[in-house]
Amino acid sequence: MNKFPELTKFSHLLASFFGIGLLPIAPGTWGSLAGLLLFFFFIYLQLSFFLIVSIFFFFVIFSIIVCEIASKDLVEKDHKAIVIDEVAGAWLSFLFIPFLGVYNFSTSEWLKESYLAACILFFIFRFFDILKPHPISYIDRKLKSGFGIVLDDLIAGLFAGLTLLGGNFFIQIF
């Protein structure tokens, strides 16, 4: 394919998360930032944790399908303009926030500290997504499909969430 993404193609528009993947310098960071802002919007709306988890699972499946379709004709399957996977990975890290004690499960209410936790998770997620320690690097190299494109970012999100949970256990940030 000569030009990617072609924003007139719906799969390319979605894979680039509405063109965010075309922003200059570090498109993955811009995609992750879009995920962070979207999560802030969910916190502001006080969506319940369970609703956000449901949206997340739908979004992951949707992202895999979009990445598979959008990368079908590409030589480099995980093109830098594809950032919907960063949104999904960042969201996974944000799902660890309630376990830091900054979400009230009895009232389904997000606390002010949720914003700080999400910002910290954004930076930790970017660290793992850029550094790509094992098994992220292995999946990034070996799985050249929509599933592989999304999976390496989901694992980076998992690493980010577990890192903050572990760090909070020792340092008591929250």
Protein backbone atom coordinates (compact mmCIF):
# COMPACT_ATOMS: atom_id res chain seq x y z
CA MET A 1 0.00 0.00 0.00
CA ASN A 2 1.42 3.36 -1.01
CA LYS A 3 -0.11 5.64 1.56
CA PHE A 4 -1.12 4.74 5.07
CA PRO A 5 -3.34 5.77 6.57
CA GLU A 6 -5.89 6.83 4.01
CA LEU A 7 -8.38 8.54 6.28
CA THR A 8 -11.10 8.06 3.67
CA LYS A 9 -10.98 4.35 4.58
CA PHE A 10 -12.99 3.81 7.74
CA SER A 11 -10.62 1.13 9.10
CA HIS A 12 -7.64 3.49 8.67
CA LEU A 13 -9.53 6.34 10.33
CA LEU A 14 -10.30 4.12 13.33
CA ALA A 15 -6.84 2.50 13.49
CA SER A 16 -5.24 5.96 13.61
CA PHE A 17 -7.85 6.87 16.25
CA PHE A 18 -9.44 9.55 14.09
CA GLY A 19 -6.13 10.78 12.72
CA ILE A 20 -4.28 11.12 16.03
CA GLY A 21 -1.70 8.63 14.75
CA LEU A 22 -0.71 11.20 12.12
CA LEU A 23 0.48 13.74 14.68
CA PRO A 24 4.21 14.41 14.42
CA ILE A 25 6.76 13.01 16.85
CA ALA A 26 5.76 9.99 18.95
CA PRO A 27 2.32 9.08 17.59
CA GLY A 28 2.03 6.29 20.19
CA THR A 29 2.29 8.85 22.95
CA TRP A 30 -0.44 10.94 21.32
CA GLY A 31 -2.64 7.83 21.09
CA SER A 32 -2.01 7.03 24.75
CA LEU A 33 -2.80 10.64 25.65
CA ALA A 34 -6.10 10.34 23.78
CA GLY A 35 -6.85 7.25 25.88
CA LEU A 36 -5.99 9.18 29.04
CA LEU A 37 -8.28 12.07 28.12
CA LEU A 38 -11.07 9.67 27.27
CA PHE A 39 -10.61 7.99 30.65
CA PHE A 40 -10.69 11.40 32.37
CA PHE A 41 -14.02 11.96 30.63
CA PHE A 42 -15.30 8.64 32.04
CA ILE A 43 -14.17 9.66 35.53
CA TYR A 44 -15.85 13.05 35.13
CA LEU A 45 -19.09 11.31 34.12
CA GLN A 46 -18.69 9.01 37.15
CA LEU A 47 -19.22 5.91 35.00
CA SER A 48 -19.12 2.83 37.16
CA PHE A 49 -16.04 0.64 37.13
CA PHE A 50 -18.08 -2.24 35.77
CA LEU A 51 -19.38 -0.15 32.89
CA ILE A 52 -15.83 0.97 32.06
CA VAL A 53 -14.65 -2.68 32.16
CA SER A 54 -17.49 -3.62 29.79
CA ILE A 55 -16.59 -0.78 27.42
CA PHE A 56 -12.94 -1.85 27.63
CA PHE A 57 -13.64 -5.46 26.60
CA PHE A 58 -15.77 -4.30 23.67
CA PHE A 59 -13.06 -1.80 22.69
CA VAL A 60 -10.31 -4.46 22.74
CA ILE A 61 -12.26 -6.79 20.46
CA PHE A 62 -13.13 -3.87 18.21
CA SER A 63 -9.44 -2.76 18.15
CA ILE A 64 -8.24 -6.21 17.15
CA ILE A 65 -10.70 -6.32 14.26
CA VAL A 66 -9.82 -2.78 13.14
CA CYS A 67 -6.07 -3.46 13.31
CA GLU A 68 -6.48 -6.69 11.34
CA ILE A 69 -8.43 -4.94 8.58
CA ALA A 70 -6.29 -1.80 8.49
CA SER A 71 -2.96 -3.65 8.41
CA LYS A 72 -4.03 -6.27 5.89
CA ASP A 73 -2.04 -4.76 2.99
CA LEU A 74 0.86 -3.36 4.99
CA VAL A 75 4.37 -4.77 5.01
CA GLU A 76 4.97 -3.26 8.47
CA LYS A 77 1.85 -4.56 10.23
CA ASP A 78 2.15 -2.40 13.36
CA HIS A 79 2.55 0.88 11.48
CA LYS A 80 3.41 3.88 13.67
CA ALA A 81 0.15 5.61 12.67
CA ILE A 82 -1.90 2.75 14.16
CA VAL A 83 -2.55 4.02 17.67
CA ILE A 84 -5.88 2.44 18.61
CA ASP A 85 -3.78 -0.28 20.28
CA GLU A 86 -2.13 2.32 22.53
CA VAL A 87 -5.57 3.53 23.58
CA ALA A 88 -6.53 -0.03 24.52
CA GLY A 89 -3.27 -0.67 26.38
CA ALA A 90 -3.50 2.57 28.33
CA TRP A 91 -7.10 1.76 29.26
CA LEU A 92 -6.05 -1.61 30.63
CA SER A 93 -3.58 0.11 32.95
CA PHE A 94 -6.34 2.46 34.14
CA LEU A 95 -8.45 -0.53 35.19
CA PHE A 96 -6.03 -1.01 38.10
CA ILE A 97 -6.99 2.35 39.64
CA PRO A 98 -9.84 1.06 41.84
CA PHE A 99 -7.45 -1.40 43.48
CA LEU A 100 -5.32 1.53 44.65
CA GLY A 101 -8.20 2.59 46.89
CA VAL A 102 -9.26 5.62 44.84
CA TYR A 103 -12.65 4.22 43.81
CA ASN A 104 -15.59 3.61 46.08
CA PHE A 105 -17.14 0.30 45.00
CA SER A 106 -20.15 0.78 47.28
CA THR A 107 -21.19 4.06 45.66
CA SER A 108 -19.54 3.52 42.22
CA GLU A 109 -17.77 6.85 42.65
CA TRP A 110 -14.35 7.88 41.35
CA LEU A 111 -12.29 9.96 43.77
CA LYS A 112 -10.09 12.98 42.93
CA GLU A 113 -6.95 10.86 43.28
CA SER A 114 -8.12 8.85 40.26
CA TYR A 115 -6.82 11.62 37.99
CA LEU A 116 -3.34 11.49 39.54
CA ALA A 117 -3.26 7.70 39.38
CA ALA A 118 -4.27 7.79 35.69
CA CYS A 119 -1.47 10.29 34.92
CA ILE A 120 1.11 8.12 36.67
CA LEU A 121 -0.17 5.06 34.81
CA PHE A 122 0.08 6.95 31.52
CA PHE A 123 3.81 7.51 32.06
CA ILE A 124 4.46 3.97 33.28
CA PHE A 125 2.52 2.57 30.32
CA ARG A 126 4.55 4.65 27.88
CA PHE A 127 7.75 3.45 29.56
CA PHE A 128 6.84 -0.21 29.01
CA ASP A 129 5.40 0.41 25.55
CA ILE A 130 8.59 2.13 24.37
CA LEU A 131 11.10 -0.10 26.21
CA LYS A 132 9.26 -3.32 25.30
CA PRO A 133 10.74 -5.74 27.84
CA HIS A 134 10.13 -9.45 27.35
CA PRO A 135 7.45 -10.75 26.55
CA ILE A 136 6.24 -7.50 24.94
CA SER A 137 9.15 -7.42 22.48
CA TYR A 138 8.63 -11.09 21.60
CA ILE A 139 4.94 -10.57 20.83
CA ASP A 140 5.74 -7.38 18.89
CA ARG A 141 8.19 -9.33 16.68
CA LYS A 142 6.33 -12.62 16.28
CA LEU A 143 2.60 -11.90 16.16
CA LYS A 144 1.95 -9.95 12.97
CA SER A 145 -1.84 -9.78 13.11
CA GLY A 146 -4.51 -7.53 14.55
CA PHE A 147 -4.36 -9.61 17.72
CA GLY A 148 -0.57 -9.21 17.98
CA ILE A 149 -0.73 -5.47 17.30
CA VAL A 150 -3.09 -5.01 20.25
CA LEU A 151 -1.67 -7.72 22.54
CA ASP A 152 1.77 -6.15 23.03
CA ASP A 153 0.12 -2.92 24.21
CA LEU A 154 -2.25 -4.81 26.50
CA ILE A 155 0.72 -6.49 28.15
CA ALA A 156 2.42 -3.09 28.53
CA GLY A 157 -0.80 -1.87 30.20
CA LEU A 158 -0.81 -4.91 32.47
CA PHE A 159 2.83 -4.27 33.42
CA ALA A 160 2.03 -0.60 34.12
CA GLY A 161 -0.92 -1.43 36.35
CA LEU A 162 0.98 -4.08 38.29
CA THR A 163 3.98 -1.77 38.66
CA LEU A 164 1.87 0.99 40.21
CA LEU A 165 0.05 -1.48 42.45
CA GLY A 166 3.35 -2.93 43.63
CA GLY A 167 4.93 0.48 44.06
CA ASN A 168 1.92 1.71 46.01
CA PHE A 169 2.18 -1.31 48.31
CA PHE A 170 5.68 -0.19 49.37
CA ILE A 171 5.47 3.61 49.09
CA GLN A 172 1.76 4.25 49.88
CA ILE A 173 1.18 6.98 47.29
CA PHE A 174 -2.58 6.49 47.50
